[in-house]
């Protein structure tokens, strides 16, 4: 394991939680289910979640959406669609899957976009929830874990395109600042 990464949630805990989330979703008896994974960070979670859904008897179809928010400094950020859902969502139950619900702006945008297209319902499954960072009035319907206010990596999440491949969720250990008076 890298020296600057500490385990927050290990493989066993993630697998157990994903299985439970699939059971919770199945209990709602979704109709014509479409899972929409928010790229890029959710790819491992989404893959594991749809396989777990299959094991509990669901037969979801899968799609992807890739969004980017941009802006200068502290200005309000605009959300751009880099890759959109290609399937017709009208009348379908949709589970929007993301790695982390933090500010909520991107997920609120995606939820509203799918709702406007006529989805019967749009529910959110977030592997990690960081409510202390929320900027939009949104919450996940299915949450894997509450996340401390740390920079997390692994299980699809990255830092500068590194650490996505880790099979666990870890946090980056920040080196102590050098003493300026030395």
Protein backbone atom coordinates (compact mmCIF):
# COMPACT_ATOMS: atom_id res chain seq x y z
CA UNK A 1 0.00 0.00 0.00
CA UNK A 2 1.28 3.51 -0.74
CA UNK A 3 2.81 5.24 2.29
CA UNK A 4 0.59 8.30 1.97
CA UNK A 5 -2.75 6.39 1.80
CA UNK A 6 -4.61 5.00 4.82
CA UNK A 7 -7.54 2.58 4.57
CA UNK A 8 -10.93 4.05 5.40
CA UNK A 9 -13.21 1.24 4.13
CA UNK A 10 -11.69 -2.11 3.20
CA UNK A 11 -12.75 -4.51 0.43
CA UNK A 12 -14.86 -6.66 2.74
CA UNK A 13 -16.81 -3.72 4.16
CA UNK A 14 -17.41 -2.30 0.67
CA UNK A 15 -18.62 -5.64 -0.71
CA UNK A 16 -21.02 -6.16 2.21
CA UNK A 17 -22.42 -2.65 1.92
CA UNK A 18 -22.90 -2.89 -1.86
CA UNK A 19 -24.80 -6.18 -1.43
CA UNK A 20 -27.07 -4.56 1.16
CA UNK A 21 -27.69 -1.57 -1.09
CA UNK A 22 -28.76 -3.93 -3.89
CA UNK A 23 -31.19 -5.66 -1.52
CA UNK A 24 -32.56 -2.27 -0.43
CA UNK A 25 -33.08 -1.25 -4.06
CA UNK A 26 -34.76 -4.57 -4.90
CA UNK A 27 -37.15 -4.12 -1.96
CA UNK A 28 -38.63 -1.07 -3.72
CA UNK A 29 -39.64 -3.25 -6.71
CA UNK A 30 -38.30 -0.92 -9.43
CA UNK A 31 -39.93 -1.15 -12.86
CA UNK A 32 -38.00 -1.11 -16.13
CA UNK A 33 -34.88 -0.25 -14.15
CA UNK A 34 -32.11 1.83 -15.66
CA UNK A 35 -28.87 2.38 -13.75
CA UNK A 36 -27.03 5.54 -14.80
CA UNK A 37 -23.43 5.72 -13.62
CA UNK A 38 -21.84 9.15 -13.27
CA UNK A 39 -18.37 8.94 -14.79
CA UNK A 40 -15.58 8.63 -13.98
CA UNK A 41 -15.35 7.96 -10.26
CA UNK A 42 -18.36 5.68 -9.94
CA UNK A 43 -17.29 3.02 -12.44
CA UNK A 44 -16.14 0.39 -9.92
CA UNK A 45 -19.05 0.99 -7.55
CA UNK A 46 -21.60 0.95 -10.40
CA UNK A 47 -20.20 -2.29 -11.81
CA UNK A 48 -20.30 -4.00 -8.41
CA UNK A 49 -23.76 -2.61 -7.67
CA UNK A 50 -25.36 -3.86 -10.92
CA UNK A 51 -23.80 -7.31 -10.39
CA UNK A 52 -25.22 -7.32 -6.85
CA UNK A 53 -28.60 -6.25 -8.26
CA UNK A 54 -28.44 -9.22 -10.62
CA UNK A 55 -27.78 -11.55 -7.68
CA UNK A 56 -30.92 -10.29 -5.91
CA UNK A 57 -33.09 -10.83 -8.98
CA UNK A 58 -33.09 -7.43 -10.67
CA UNK A 59 -32.34 -7.04 -14.37
CA UNK A 60 -31.20 -3.44 -14.76
CA UNK A 61 -30.01 -1.90 -17.97
CA UNK A 62 -26.97 0.33 -17.65
CA UNK A 63 -26.06 3.73 -19.05
CA UNK A 64 -23.47 6.43 -18.36
CA UNK A 65 -23.40 10.17 -18.00
CA UNK A 66 -20.21 12.23 -17.84
CA UNK A 67 -20.51 15.72 -16.41
CA UNK A 68 -18.01 18.49 -15.79
CA UNK A 69 -18.36 21.62 -13.74
CA UNK A 70 -16.16 24.56 -14.45
CA UNK A 71 -15.75 28.18 -13.49
CA UNK A 72 -13.12 30.61 -12.32
CA UNK A 73 -12.21 30.87 -8.66
CA UNK A 74 -15.22 31.26 -6.40
CA UNK A 75 -17.62 32.17 -9.21
CA UNK A 76 -20.69 30.01 -9.68
CA UNK A 77 -19.84 26.95 -11.67
CA UNK A 78 -21.60 25.79 -14.81
CA UNK A 79 -22.18 22.09 -15.41
CA UNK A 80 -21.43 20.74 -18.88
CA UNK A 81 -22.54 17.40 -20.29
CA UNK A 82 -19.54 15.60 -21.80
CA UNK A 83 -21.43 12.33 -22.44
CA UNK A 84 -25.17 12.00 -22.12
CA UNK A 85 -27.52 9.10 -21.47
CA UNK A 86 -28.53 7.66 -24.82
CA UNK A 87 -31.48 5.53 -23.69
CA UNK A 88 -35.03 6.79 -23.48
CA UNK A 89 -35.74 7.25 -19.75
CA UNK A 90 -39.45 8.09 -20.10
CA UNK A 91 -41.56 6.03 -17.72
CA UNK A 92 -38.55 4.22 -16.23
CA UNK A 93 -37.28 3.92 -12.70
CA UNK A 94 -33.73 5.26 -12.73
CA UNK A 95 -30.97 4.79 -10.16
CA UNK A 96 -28.34 7.49 -10.55
CA UNK A 97 -25.05 6.05 -9.22
CA UNK A 98 -22.13 8.17 -8.07
CA UNK A 99 -19.02 7.59 -6.02
CA UNK A 100 -19.47 10.51 -3.64
CA UNK A 101 -22.23 12.96 -2.81
CA UNK A 102 -20.40 16.07 -1.75
CA UNK A 103 -21.66 19.50 -2.88
CA UNK A 104 -24.62 17.85 -4.58
CA UNK A 105 -24.62 20.24 -7.53
CA UNK A 106 -23.69 17.67 -10.17
CA UNK A 107 -26.08 15.02 -8.91
CA UNK A 108 -28.92 17.55 -8.63
CA UNK A 109 -28.24 18.58 -12.23
CA UNK A 110 -28.26 14.94 -13.43
CA UNK A 111 -31.39 14.06 -11.42
CA UNK A 112 -33.27 17.08 -12.77
CA UNK A 113 -32.15 16.30 -16.34
CA UNK A 114 -33.46 12.72 -16.13
CA UNK A 115 -36.69 13.84 -14.45
CA UNK A 116 -37.30 16.42 -17.19
CA UNK A 117 -36.95 13.63 -19.75
CA UNK A 118 -39.86 11.81 -18.15
CA UNK A 119 -38.27 9.25 -15.84
CA UNK A 120 -40.92 7.68 -13.62
CA UNK A 121 -38.55 8.09 -10.68
CA UNK A 122 -34.91 9.04 -10.16
CA UNK A 123 -33.22 7.76 -7.03
CA UNK A 124 -29.62 8.33 -6.03
CA UNK A 125 -27.17 5.69 -4.86
CA UNK A 126 -23.98 7.23 -3.51
CA UNK A 127 -21.16 5.11 -2.19
CA UNK A 128 -19.96 7.93 0.06
CA UNK A 129 -21.90 10.81 1.58
CA UNK A 130 -20.16 14.00 2.76
CA UNK A 131 -23.07 16.11 4.04
CA UNK A 132 -20.75 18.72 5.56
CA UNK A 133 -19.83 19.80 2.00
CA UNK A 134 -23.40 20.06 0.65
CA UNK A 135 -24.27 23.12 -1.47
CA UNK A 136 -27.52 21.81 -3.00
CA UNK A 137 -30.64 20.57 -1.25
CA UNK A 138 -30.21 16.92 -2.21
CA UNK A 139 -29.68 13.65 -0.43
CA UNK A 140 -29.03 10.10 -1.54
CA UNK A 141 -31.73 7.46 -1.31
CA UNK A 142 -29.09 4.75 -0.87
CA UNK A 143 -25.81 5.49 0.91
CA UNK A 144 -22.86 3.19 1.27
CA UNK A 145 -20.95 5.02 3.97
CA UNK A 146 -20.85 8.38 5.68
CA UNK A 147 -17.51 9.89 4.73
CA UNK A 148 -15.33 12.02 6.97
CA UNK A 149 -14.12 15.33 5.62
CA UNK A 150 -10.99 13.88 4.03
CA UNK A 151 -9.71 13.56 0.48
CA UNK A 152 -10.56 9.98 -0.49
CA UNK A 153 -9.10 7.75 -3.21
CA UNK A 154 -9.41 4.19 -4.43
CA UNK A 155 -12.29 2.06 -5.64
CA UNK A 156 -12.57 4.30 -8.71
CA UNK A 157 -11.80 7.64 -7.05
CA UNK A 158 -8.57 9.37 -7.91
CA UNK A 159 -6.15 12.13 -7.11
CA UNK A 160 -4.50 13.44 -10.26
CA UNK A 161 -5.48 10.24 -12.10
CA UNK A 162 -3.73 8.09 -9.46
CA UNK A 163 -5.12 5.50 -7.04
CA UNK A 164 -8.36 4.58 -8.92
CA UNK A 165 -7.21 0.95 -9.06
CA UNK A 166 -7.07 0.47 -5.29
CA UNK A 167 -9.60 -2.17 -4.18
CA UNK A 168 -10.40 -0.22 -1.00
CA UNK A 169 -11.31 3.37 -0.14
CA UNK A 170 -8.53 5.27 1.52
CA UNK A 171 -7.66 8.79 2.41
CA UNK A 172 -4.59 10.78 1.58
CA UNK A 173 -2.33 11.52 4.53
CA UNK A 174 -1.09 15.06 4.25
CA UNK A 175 2.54 15.61 5.18
CA UNK A 176 2.95 18.01 8.11
CA UNK A 177 3.85 21.53 7.01
CA UNK A 178 7.50 22.42 7.45
CA UNK A 179 8.19 24.83 10.28
CA UNK A 180 8.84 28.22 8.70
CA UNK A 181 11.01 29.34 11.63
CA UNK A 182 13.67 26.68 11.17
